[in-house]
């Protein structure tokens, strides 16, 4: 009990709720309320409950102590590590007291877990082996306690004959309890079970798990109970205790140590369930020395709170891009810098594609202006670098499919992004273009391969349109950011990642050692699309998750001995 500091024994009621409360490790999982009490993991007061087992009538106790050993103070290099050590000290004290209650007839098994934390999920096999080895040391005593085969089978049969729910039990009624703004009808719409259906716990749990991924709920549980001779399915949808508006902060840093670095502050705002029909407001703000943007959109479901939706939006951005004389492989310096101002207002009709991704069709009005930040006069004929602008309505189709297991360092799955734009402006600036980006991830043990492919092209004959950039970290890493510009683009990347979770590197979580082989180019005309040669880059980097996001530090080399050192903080695809 987090309010009183006393032990709580859960011996009746909902098993899922009891398990949820018992796994509420302080600092990792939120406390869980049951019967008016706020509960956390009982390990703080009784991590090895010998006395509880004795009170239940056990004559012989087999106690397994898997408390994480205390770490060397020299290894406590972060506030999280210190907090875990403090919890460990509390656990060690109550474990010591409980071990003292064991008698000569009891069995104590203590696996050797030095160097292993309860958060080392990737080392699960090591934990299994440690437990096996510790149990083998007590095999003689454990064998003495085992039943003969015939008696063991009789015990299993008696246990299975106990009061269990019949396989053909039907749901007579469904009751859904919500704790906030989300209507029960929304939860009901995400479940396929109906009154009169056979109760299928696995199917219901799977659908509740899918519902939980939308981020609106703190917990979703289900159980079937008997009321007045009827089987009632109870669904408890507990909304998050915080909100209803949510903020997400991010920091992006890109530095190639040659004066062309950038810093970005990212702020995301989400306001779901503004009304009972599921209206949601999303805002993304980016502030940086090379780029600033604001994207704001509403998302109104058309039929219920899921499925087809309408999304009006505005997008305002300013971006500074270095311009180079040509696309040569030589170590280049920019000849000027362009400021690109963009203002877009539009509306999309969107449709979620089950659990795969999202499809959007829409129209917008776009105004884009290109202005050189410094220029050279050329007598009476004007300036060396032109300033241009265009305004026109645009129709767009966009498909996003995201099946990656991790947005930062994916180890399996795939990602597909495709977009087609068709402008309806004046003849000289009317444009059409298309782009496709894919990423595929494969893993075997601690080795991961990522394959990225990208293609983009202007489909109009006048080469109008915003164009495409190539260059920078994981976009031909040996070259400067956005060094190459054209009306069409081809790019490919093969990345190898080696999991280094056994090592503690600069405070990084899940560190990886990686290498990338890249090839690509841009072209100025549609007819030249795909012609060689291609620019190439080879990079070696160290990466991992830090408290402020993914971090990469590495070096890259390209053709003609072009090279780059880079530090990247933030996502790269």
Foldseek 3Di string as FASTA:
>chain_A
DVVPPDDDDDDDDDPVLVVLLQDQAPPPAAFGDDPRDTGHRRLLQAVFPLVVVVVVPDPEAETEDEQADADDPVPQPDPVNVVSNVSSVSNVVNVVVNVVPHDPLYHYFYFPQPLHDPPPPLCPVVVVVSRVVRVVVVVVSVVVVDDDPVVVVVVVVVVVPDDDDDQQAFAQEEDEDEDDLADPVQVVVQAPHDGGHGDDPVRRVVSVVVVVVVPFFSDWDWDWDADPNGTYIYIYTYGDPDDLKDKDWAKKWKDFPPPPIKIKIKMKIKHWCPDNQIKIKIWIWIDMPFKTKIKIKIWGADPGNAFKTKIKIKMWMKGKAFEWDDDDPDATDGPWIKIKTKIKTWMWIKGADVLFWIKIKIKMKMKIKIDTPDWAADPPPGTPDDIDMDIWMKIKIKTWTDDFPDQADGAADKIKIKMWMFTDGDPLAGWIKIKIKMWGWHDDSQKIKIKIWMKMAIPDQNLHDDWDFAEDDVRQNLGHGRHATARIKIKIKIKMWGFPQSDCDPNFHRKIKMKMKMWMHHYHGPVCPPPDDIWIKIKIWIWGAHPNAIWIWIKMATPPGRITTMIIGDGDD
